[in-house]
Amino acid sequence: MKTLYGGTLGLASASPAEPGGLLRYSVGKQWVGYSQAPNPEAIDRLDHVAFATNKVVALREYLVAKGVTVPAIENRADHSLSITVADADGHRIEFIERGKVEVPASPDSTVPAT
């Protein structure tokens, strides 16, 4: 991975951004991070994918309206807001809105899984 991300793609190495992280490569505000696999024998080692958004509240409302099970908005230690959903294979898909100070009030509109 050092050869690909650092050499071929020329991404800068940086300190891990998440607990348990081992290695991170970044370009602008985007980055790729690596950490130990929870189960070293697992074939599928994808932990999660994260996307930046400017409107996490509206995105949550949209996903709920489409029948997606979405938990309450999380207020993270870095003052960002996030929601995490699962894809069809059970991988976590996280949406993050950076730089907010508090979680806006929203009704509990979680849709049960079908």
C-alpha atoms as a PDB file:
ATOM      1  CA  MET A   1       0.000   0.000   0.000  1.00  0.00           C
ATOM      2  CA  LYS A   2       2.909   2.393   0.572  1.00  0.00           C
ATOM      3  CA  THR A   3       4.019   1.829  -3.003  1.00  0.00           C
ATOM      4  CA  LEU A   4       0.546   2.464  -4.447  1.00  0.00           C
ATOM      5  CA  TYR A   5      -0.664   5.387  -2.307  1.00  0.00           C
ATOM      6  CA  GLY A   6       2.635   7.066  -1.481  1.00  0.00           C
ATOM      7  CA  GLY A   7       4.670   6.275  -4.592  1.00  0.00           C
ATOM      8  CA  THR A   8       2.408   5.728  -7.588  1.00  0.00           C
ATOM      9  CA  LEU A   9      -0.398   8.097  -6.574  1.00  0.00           C
ATOM     10  CA  GLY A  10       1.845  10.503  -4.664  1.00  0.00           C
ATOM     11  CA  LEU A  11      -0.479  10.877  -1.675  1.00  0.00           C
ATOM     12  CA  ALA A  12       0.955  12.360   1.506  1.00  0.00           C
ATOM     13  CA  SER A  13       1.183  10.114   4.560  1.00  0.00           C
ATOM     14  CA  ALA A  14      -0.464  11.416   7.714  1.00  0.00           C
ATOM     15  CA  SER A  15      -1.228  10.325  11.253  1.00  0.00           C
ATOM     16  CA  PRO A  16      -4.237   8.022  11.614  1.00  0.00           C
ATOM     17  CA  ALA A  17      -7.518   9.896  11.970  1.00  0.00           C
ATOM     18  CA  GLU A  18      -9.490   7.234  13.836  1.00  0.00           C
ATOM     19  CA  PRO A  19      -8.886   5.126  16.943  1.00  0.00           C
ATOM     20  CA  GLY A  20      -7.012   1.946  16.067  1.00  0.00           C
ATOM     21  CA  GLY A  21      -5.743   3.380  12.797  1.00  0.00           C
ATOM     22  CA  LEU A  22      -2.312   2.314  11.603  1.00  0.00           C
ATOM     23  CA  LEU A  23      -1.693   4.296   8.462  1.00  0.00           C
ATOM     24  CA  ARG A  24      -3.363   7.063   6.462  1.00  0.00           C
ATOM     25  CA  TYR A  25      -2.783   8.702   3.082  1.00  0.00           C
ATOM     26  CA  SER A  26      -4.476  11.957   2.185  1.00  0.00           C
ATOM     27  CA  VAL A  27      -5.103  14.325  -0.685  1.00  0.00           C
ATOM     28  CA  GLY A  28      -7.012  17.488   0.154  1.00  0.00           C
ATOM     29  CA  LYS A  29      -9.839  16.614   2.514  1.00  0.00           C
ATOM     30  CA  GLN A  30     -10.088  13.005   1.300  1.00  0.00           C
ATOM     31  CA  TRP A  31      -8.091  10.143   2.756  1.00  0.00           C
ATOM     32  CA  VAL A  32      -7.610   6.392   2.869  1.00  0.00           C
ATOM     33  CA  GLY A  33      -6.965   4.834   6.274  1.00  0.00           C
ATOM     34  CA  TYR A  34      -5.788   1.408   7.335  1.00  0.00           C
ATOM     35  CA  SER A  35      -6.250  -0.451  10.605  1.00  0.00           C
ATOM     36  CA  GLN A  36      -5.988  -4.028  11.852  1.00  0.00           C
ATOM     37  CA  ALA A  37      -8.750  -6.343  10.649  1.00  0.00           C
ATOM     38  CA  PRO A  38     -10.991  -7.373  13.567  1.00  0.00           C
ATOM     39  CA  ASN A  39     -10.637 -10.968  12.396  1.00  0.00           C
ATOM     40  CA  PRO A  40      -7.314 -11.637  10.630  1.00  0.00           C
ATOM     41  CA  GLU A  41      -8.832 -14.669   8.853  1.00  0.00           C
ATOM     42  CA  ALA A  42     -11.711 -12.675   7.351  1.00  0.00           C
ATOM     43  CA  ILE A  43     -11.889 -12.563   3.569  1.00  0.00           C
ATOM     44  CA  ASP A  44     -13.879  -9.288   3.505  1.00  0.00           C
ATOM     45  CA  ARG A  45     -11.755  -6.663   5.244  1.00  0.00           C
ATOM     46  CA  LEU A  46     -13.706  -3.525   4.345  1.00  0.00           C
ATOM     47  CA  ASP A  47     -14.532  -1.716   7.580  1.00  0.00           C
ATOM     48  CA  HIS A  48     -16.536   1.211   6.248  1.00  0.00           C
ATOM     49  CA  VAL A  49     -16.820   3.914   3.626  1.00  0.00           C
ATOM     50  CA  ALA A  50     -17.412   7.550   4.565  1.00  0.00           C
ATOM     51  CA  PHE A  51     -18.726  10.435   2.479  1.00  0.00           C
ATOM     52  CA  ALA A  52     -18.734  14.150   3.278  1.00  0.00           C
ATOM     53  CA  THR A  53     -22.039  16.018   3.087  1.00  0.00           C
ATOM     54  CA  ASN A  54     -23.098  19.606   3.752  1.00  0.00           C
ATOM     55  CA  LYS A  55     -26.630  18.625   4.810  1.00  0.00           C
ATOM     56  CA  VAL A  56     -26.657  15.564   7.060  1.00  0.00           C
ATOM     57  CA  VAL A  57     -30.150  16.364   8.430  1.00  0.00           C
ATOM     58  CA  ALA A  58     -31.669  16.575   4.941  1.00  0.00           C
ATOM     59  CA  LEU A  59     -29.786  13.441   3.864  1.00  0.00           C
ATOM     60  CA  ARG A  60     -31.113  11.535   6.872  1.00  0.00           C
ATOM     61  CA  GLU A  61     -34.668  12.648   6.098  1.00  0.00           C
ATOM     62  CA  TYR A  62     -34.244  11.588   2.454  1.00  0.00           C
ATOM     63  CA  LEU A  63     -32.914   8.139   3.376  1.00  0.00           C
ATOM     64  CA  VAL A  64     -35.722   7.564   5.895  1.00  0.00           C
ATOM     65  CA  ALA A  65     -38.286   8.597   3.252  1.00  0.00           C
ATOM     66  CA  LYS A  66     -36.751   5.962   0.950  1.00  0.00           C
ATOM     67  CA  GLY A  67     -37.213   3.250   3.599  1.00  0.00           C
ATOM     68  CA  VAL A  68     -33.627   3.060   4.831  1.00  0.00           C
ATOM     69  CA  THR A  69     -33.114   2.334   8.532  1.00  0.00           C
ATOM     70  CA  VAL A  70     -31.192   5.353   9.847  1.00  0.00           C
ATOM     71  CA  PRO A  71     -30.201   5.921  13.492  1.00  0.00           C
ATOM     72  CA  ALA A  72     -30.240   9.315  15.177  1.00  0.00           C
ATOM     73  CA  ILE A  73     -27.608  11.849  14.135  1.00  0.00           C
ATOM     74  CA  GLU A  74     -24.406  11.435  16.119  1.00  0.00           C
ATOM     75  CA  ASN A  75     -22.549  14.449  17.525  1.00  0.00           C
ATOM     76  CA  ARG A  76     -18.863  13.539  17.323  1.00  0.00           C
ATOM     77  CA  ALA A  77     -16.045  14.791  19.510  1.00  0.00           C
ATOM     78  CA  ASP A  78     -14.653  16.897  16.635  1.00  0.00           C
ATOM     79  CA  HIS A  79     -18.001  18.775  16.411  1.00  0.00           C
ATOM     80  CA  SER A  80     -19.026  17.042  13.214  1.00  0.00           C
ATOM     81  CA  LEU A  81     -22.370  15.349  12.726  1.00  0.00           C
ATOM     82  CA  SER A  82     -22.709  11.877  11.255  1.00  0.00           C
ATOM     83  CA  ILE A  83     -25.111   9.100  10.401  1.00  0.00           C
ATOM     84  CA  THR A  84     -24.184   5.525   9.585  1.00  0.00           C
ATOM     85  CA  VAL A  85     -26.268   3.092   7.574  1.00  0.00           C
ATOM     86  CA  ALA A  86     -25.584  -0.416   6.298  1.00  0.00           C
ATOM     87  CA  ASP A  87     -25.341  -1.444   2.661  1.00  0.00           C
ATOM     88  CA  ALA A  88     -26.841  -4.677   1.314  1.00  0.00           C
ATOM     89  CA  ASP A  89     -23.753  -6.638   2.410  1.00  0.00           C
ATOM     90  CA  GLY A  90     -23.763  -5.153   5.929  1.00  0.00           C
ATOM     91  CA  HIS A  91     -20.849  -2.723   5.389  1.00  0.00           C
ATOM     92  CA  ARG A  92     -21.094   0.554   7.280  1.00  0.00           C
ATOM     93  CA  ILE A  93     -21.648   3.624   5.105  1.00  0.00           C
ATOM     94  CA  GLU A  94     -21.043   6.848   7.037  1.00  0.00           C
ATOM     95  CA  PHE A  95     -22.085  10.374   6.063  1.00  0.00           C
ATOM     96  CA  ILE A  96     -20.291  13.218   7.865  1.00  0.00           C
ATOM     97  CA  GLU A  97     -21.022  16.932   8.049  1.00  0.00           C
ATOM     98  CA  ARG A  98     -17.965  18.710   9.410  1.00  0.00           C
ATOM     99  CA  GLY A  99     -17.826  21.681  11.743  1.00  0.00           C
ATOM    100  CA  LYS A 100     -21.208  21.671  13.505  1.00  0.00           C
ATOM    101  CA  VAL A 101     -21.496  22.359  17.211  1.00  0.00           C
ATOM    102  CA  GLU A 102     -24.664  20.544  18.259  1.00  0.00           C
ATOM    103  CA  VAL A 103     -27.070  17.918  16.991  1.00  0.00           C
ATOM    104  CA  PRO A 104     -30.257  19.482  15.636  1.00  0.00           C
ATOM    105  CA  ALA A 105     -33.500  18.178  17.111  1.00  0.00           C
ATOM    106  CA  SER A 106     -35.140  15.642  14.857  1.00  0.00           C
ATOM    107  CA  PRO A 107     -38.053  13.296  15.402  1.00  0.00           C
ATOM    108  CA  ASP A 108     -37.368   9.591  15.729  1.00  0.00           C
ATOM    109  CA  SER A 109     -38.134   8.509  12.203  1.00  0.00           C
ATOM    110  CA  THR A 110     -36.179   5.273  12.092  1.00  0.00           C
ATOM    111  CA  VAL A 111     -37.728   2.855   9.657  1.00  0.00           C
ATOM    112  CA  PRO A 112     -37.696  -0.776  10.803  1.00  0.00           C
ATOM    113  CA  ALA A 113     -35.762  -3.210   8.634  1.00  0.00           C
ATOM    114  CA  THR A 114     -37.891  -5.344   6.338  1.00  0.00           C
END
